[in-house]
Amino acid sequence: MSELLTPAGFLHTELFSYMPLVIGFFSILAGSGLVAGDEENGTLDLVLAHPVSRLSLFAGRWLAMLAAHLGIVVLTWIGLAAGTRWSVIDVSVGELALPCLSLLALLLLFASLGCS
């Protein structure tokens, strides 16, 4: 309970414990919708009729999903870095990047599980 009063403990308890749950829903839906969304809409046959390999189609969609997740995590990091600039919390920008990288890895795990 004493770590809750430190800046790192507060961020861990209030932000980084709930962010995987909140953004995890987006990750699972984005991962499951990579190919299944086109299959449900009936447009997968039309997309695969073009001279594009299935691997490049899936890789392109996965990279787009990675870019979306990276954008969410970078915006979170920028918000935290901007917030600590005007506060008395002396946490460096690099120290804020480490939990954000961990969050990105966890979100990509959720998205990969949604793909399968």
C-alpha atoms as a PDB file:
ATOM      1  CA  MET A   1       0.000   0.000   0.000  1.00  0.00           C
ATOM      2  CA  SER A   2       2.942   2.331   0.584  1.00  0.00           C
ATOM      3  CA  GLU A   3       3.942   2.053  -3.096  1.00  0.00           C
ATOM      4  CA  LEU A   4       0.600   3.539  -4.108  1.00  0.00           C
ATOM      5  CA  LEU A   5       1.801   6.878  -2.754  1.00  0.00           C
ATOM      6  CA  THR A   6       4.826   6.948  -5.074  1.00  0.00           C
ATOM      7  CA  PRO A   7       4.445   8.222  -8.657  1.00  0.00           C
ATOM      8  CA  ALA A   8       5.487   4.888 -10.159  1.00  0.00           C
ATOM      9  CA  GLY A   9       3.099   2.967  -7.914  1.00  0.00           C
ATOM     10  CA  PHE A  10       0.249   5.319  -8.726  1.00  0.00           C
ATOM     11  CA  LEU A  11       0.815   4.990 -12.482  1.00  0.00           C
ATOM     12  CA  HIS A  12       1.066   1.225 -12.190  1.00  0.00           C
ATOM     13  CA  THR A  13      -2.083   0.916 -10.106  1.00  0.00           C
ATOM     14  CA  GLU A  14      -4.289   3.456 -11.837  1.00  0.00           C
ATOM     15  CA  LEU A  15      -3.134   3.363 -15.457  1.00  0.00           C
ATOM     16  CA  PHE A  16      -1.100   0.350 -16.429  1.00  0.00           C
ATOM     17  CA  SER A  17      -3.293  -2.160 -14.635  1.00  0.00           C
ATOM     18  CA  TYR A  18      -6.468  -0.996 -16.426  1.00  0.00           C
ATOM     19  CA  MET A  19      -5.057  -0.126 -19.856  1.00  0.00           C
ATOM     20  CA  PRO A  20      -4.577  -3.763 -20.943  1.00  0.00           C
ATOM     21  CA  LEU A  21      -8.206  -4.442 -20.084  1.00  0.00           C
ATOM     22  CA  VAL A  22      -9.576  -1.372 -21.824  1.00  0.00           C
ATOM     23  CA  ILE A  23      -7.438  -1.504 -24.957  1.00  0.00           C
ATOM     24  CA  GLY A  24      -7.391  -5.310 -24.856  1.00  0.00           C
ATOM     25  CA  PHE A  25     -10.960  -5.346 -26.180  1.00  0.00           C
ATOM     26  CA  PHE A  26      -9.801  -3.322 -29.187  1.00  0.00           C
ATOM     27  CA  SER A  27      -6.858  -5.685 -29.655  1.00  0.00           C
ATOM     28  CA  ILE A  28      -8.988  -8.807 -29.627  1.00  0.00           C
ATOM     29  CA  LEU A  29     -11.549  -7.306 -31.992  1.00  0.00           C
ATOM     30  CA  ALA A  30      -8.869  -6.014 -34.354  1.00  0.00           C
ATOM     31  CA  GLY A  31      -7.052  -9.348 -34.348  1.00  0.00           C
ATOM     32  CA  SER A  32     -10.166 -11.371 -34.968  1.00  0.00           C
ATOM     33  CA  GLY A  33     -11.304  -9.014 -37.707  1.00  0.00           C
ATOM     34  CA  LEU A  34      -8.141  -9.256 -39.799  1.00  0.00           C
ATOM     35  CA  VAL A  35      -9.533 -11.909 -42.122  1.00  0.00           C
ATOM     36  CA  ALA A  36     -12.803 -12.906 -40.495  1.00  0.00           C
ATOM     37  CA  GLY A  37     -14.353  -9.491 -41.116  1.00  0.00           C
ATOM     38  CA  ASP A  38     -14.017  -9.866 -44.892  1.00  0.00           C
ATOM     39  CA  GLU A  39     -15.204 -13.447 -44.711  1.00  0.00           C
ATOM     40  CA  GLU A  40     -18.379 -12.432 -42.863  1.00  0.00           C
ATOM     41  CA  ASN A  41     -19.035  -9.564 -45.282  1.00  0.00           C
ATOM     42  CA  GLY A  42     -18.546 -11.859 -48.263  1.00  0.00           C
ATOM     43  CA  THR A  43     -15.755  -9.745 -49.726  1.00  0.00           C
ATOM     44  CA  LEU A  44     -12.892 -12.140 -48.998  1.00  0.00           C
ATOM     45  CA  ASP A  45     -13.422 -13.956 -52.310  1.00  0.00           C
ATOM     46  CA  LEU A  46     -13.191 -10.663 -54.182  1.00  0.00           C
ATOM     47  CA  VAL A  47     -10.040  -9.622 -52.336  1.00  0.00           C
ATOM     48  CA  LEU A  48      -8.327 -12.965 -52.927  1.00  0.00           C
ATOM     49  CA  ALA A  49      -9.276 -12.892 -56.628  1.00  0.00           C
ATOM     50  CA  HIS A  50      -6.672 -10.178 -57.137  1.00  0.00           C
ATOM     51  CA  PRO A  51      -3.069 -11.204 -57.774  1.00  0.00           C
ATOM     52  CA  VAL A  52      -2.047 -10.802 -54.142  1.00  0.00           C
ATOM     53  CA  SER A  53      -0.631 -13.674 -52.153  1.00  0.00           C
ATOM     54  CA  ARG A  54      -2.420 -14.656 -48.982  1.00  0.00           C
ATOM     55  CA  LEU A  55       0.720 -14.125 -46.950  1.00  0.00           C
ATOM     56  CA  SER A  56       1.161 -10.560 -48.189  1.00  0.00           C
ATOM     57  CA  LEU A  57      -2.530  -9.830 -47.565  1.00  0.00           C
ATOM     58  CA  PHE A  58      -2.332 -11.082 -44.000  1.00  0.00           C
ATOM     59  CA  ALA A  59       1.065  -9.435 -43.379  1.00  0.00           C
ATOM     60  CA  GLY A  60      -0.199  -6.089 -44.649  1.00  0.00           C
ATOM     61  CA  ARG A  61      -3.253  -6.216 -42.444  1.00  0.00           C
ATOM     62  CA  TRP A  62      -1.179  -7.315 -39.454  1.00  0.00           C
ATOM     63  CA  LEU A  63       1.255  -4.428 -40.001  1.00  0.00           C
ATOM     64  CA  ALA A  64      -1.696  -2.015 -40.169  1.00  0.00           C
ATOM     65  CA  MET A  65      -2.966  -3.425 -36.874  1.00  0.00           C
ATOM     66  CA  LEU A  66       0.536  -3.043 -35.421  1.00  0.00           C
ATOM     67  CA  ALA A  67       0.595   0.593 -36.567  1.00  0.00           C
ATOM     68  CA  ALA A  68      -2.768   1.220 -34.877  1.00  0.00           C
ATOM     69  CA  HIS A  69      -1.552  -0.310 -31.617  1.00  0.00           C
ATOM     70  CA  LEU A  70       1.730   1.572 -31.845  1.00  0.00           C
ATOM     71  CA  GLY A  71      -0.180   4.815 -32.359  1.00  0.00           C
ATOM     72  CA  ILE A  72      -2.313   4.176 -29.273  1.00  0.00           C
ATOM     73  CA  VAL A  73       0.726   3.415 -27.130  1.00  0.00           C
ATOM     74  CA  VAL A  74       2.720   6.386 -28.459  1.00  0.00           C
ATOM     75  CA  LEU A  75      -0.189   8.744 -27.760  1.00  0.00           C
ATOM     76  CA  THR A  76      -0.403   7.315 -24.238  1.00  0.00           C
ATOM     77  CA  TRP A  77       3.331   7.867 -23.776  1.00  0.00           C
ATOM     78  CA  ILE A  78       3.159  11.430 -25.113  1.00  0.00           C
ATOM     79  CA  GLY A  79       0.280  12.211 -22.756  1.00  0.00           C
ATOM     80  CA  LEU A  80       2.186  10.837 -19.798  1.00  0.00           C
ATOM     81  CA  ALA A  81       5.367  12.671 -20.774  1.00  0.00           C
ATOM     82  CA  ALA A  82       3.478  15.942 -21.202  1.00  0.00           C
ATOM     83  CA  GLY A  83       1.723  15.462 -17.885  1.00  0.00           C
ATOM     84  CA  THR A  84       4.930  14.831 -15.980  1.00  0.00           C
ATOM     85  CA  ARG A  85       6.551  17.918 -17.491  1.00  0.00           C
ATOM     86  CA  TRP A  86       4.201  20.203 -15.566  1.00  0.00           C
ATOM     87  CA  SER A  87       4.036  18.188 -12.370  1.00  0.00           C
ATOM     88  CA  VAL A  88       6.386  17.526  -9.491  1.00  0.00           C
ATOM     89  CA  ILE A  89       6.764  13.870 -10.464  1.00  0.00           C
ATOM     90  CA  ASP A  90      10.382  13.312 -11.386  1.00  0.00           C
ATOM     91  CA  VAL A  91      10.006  10.351 -13.726  1.00  0.00           C
ATOM     92  CA  SER A  92      12.114  10.522 -16.854  1.00  0.00           C
ATOM     93  CA  VAL A  93      10.697  10.116 -20.337  1.00  0.00           C
ATOM     94  CA  GLY A  94      12.693   6.919 -20.789  1.00  0.00           C
ATOM     95  CA  GLU A  95      11.273   5.438 -17.609  1.00  0.00           C
ATOM     96  CA  LEU A  96       7.771   6.127 -18.932  1.00  0.00           C
ATOM     97  CA  ALA A  97       8.583   4.350 -22.195  1.00  0.00           C
ATOM     98  CA  LEU A  98       9.326   1.002 -20.529  1.00  0.00           C
ATOM     99  CA  PRO A  99       5.798   0.282 -19.251  1.00  0.00           C
ATOM    100  CA  CYS A 100       4.430   1.507 -22.576  1.00  0.00           C
ATOM    101  CA  LEU A 101       6.575  -1.047 -24.406  1.00  0.00           C
ATOM    102  CA  SER A 102       5.336  -3.724 -22.048  1.00  0.00           C
ATOM    103  CA  LEU A 103       1.780  -2.588 -22.737  1.00  0.00           C
ATOM    104  CA  LEU A 104       2.408  -2.820 -26.495  1.00  0.00           C
ATOM    105  CA  ALA A 105       3.728  -6.369 -26.169  1.00  0.00           C
ATOM    106  CA  LEU A 106       0.710  -7.422 -24.120  1.00  0.00           C
ATOM    107  CA  LEU A 107      -1.717  -5.834 -26.587  1.00  0.00           C
ATOM    108  CA  LEU A 108      -0.038  -7.589 -29.504  1.00  0.00           C
ATOM    109  CA  LEU A 109      -0.344 -10.861 -27.609  1.00  0.00           C
ATOM    110  CA  PHE A 110      -4.092 -10.258 -27.197  1.00  0.00           C
ATOM    111  CA  ALA A 111      -4.397  -9.388 -30.907  1.00  0.00           C
ATOM    112  CA  SER A 112      -2.448 -12.477 -31.958  1.00  0.00           C
ATOM    113  CA  LEU A 113      -4.678 -14.667 -29.829  1.00  0.00           C
ATOM    114  CA  GLY A 114      -7.665 -13.025 -31.492  1.00  0.00           C
ATOM    115  CA  CYS A 115      -6.272 -13.940 -34.929  1.00  0.00           C
ATOM    116  CA  SER A 116      -6.189 -17.634 -34.192  1.00  0.00           C
END
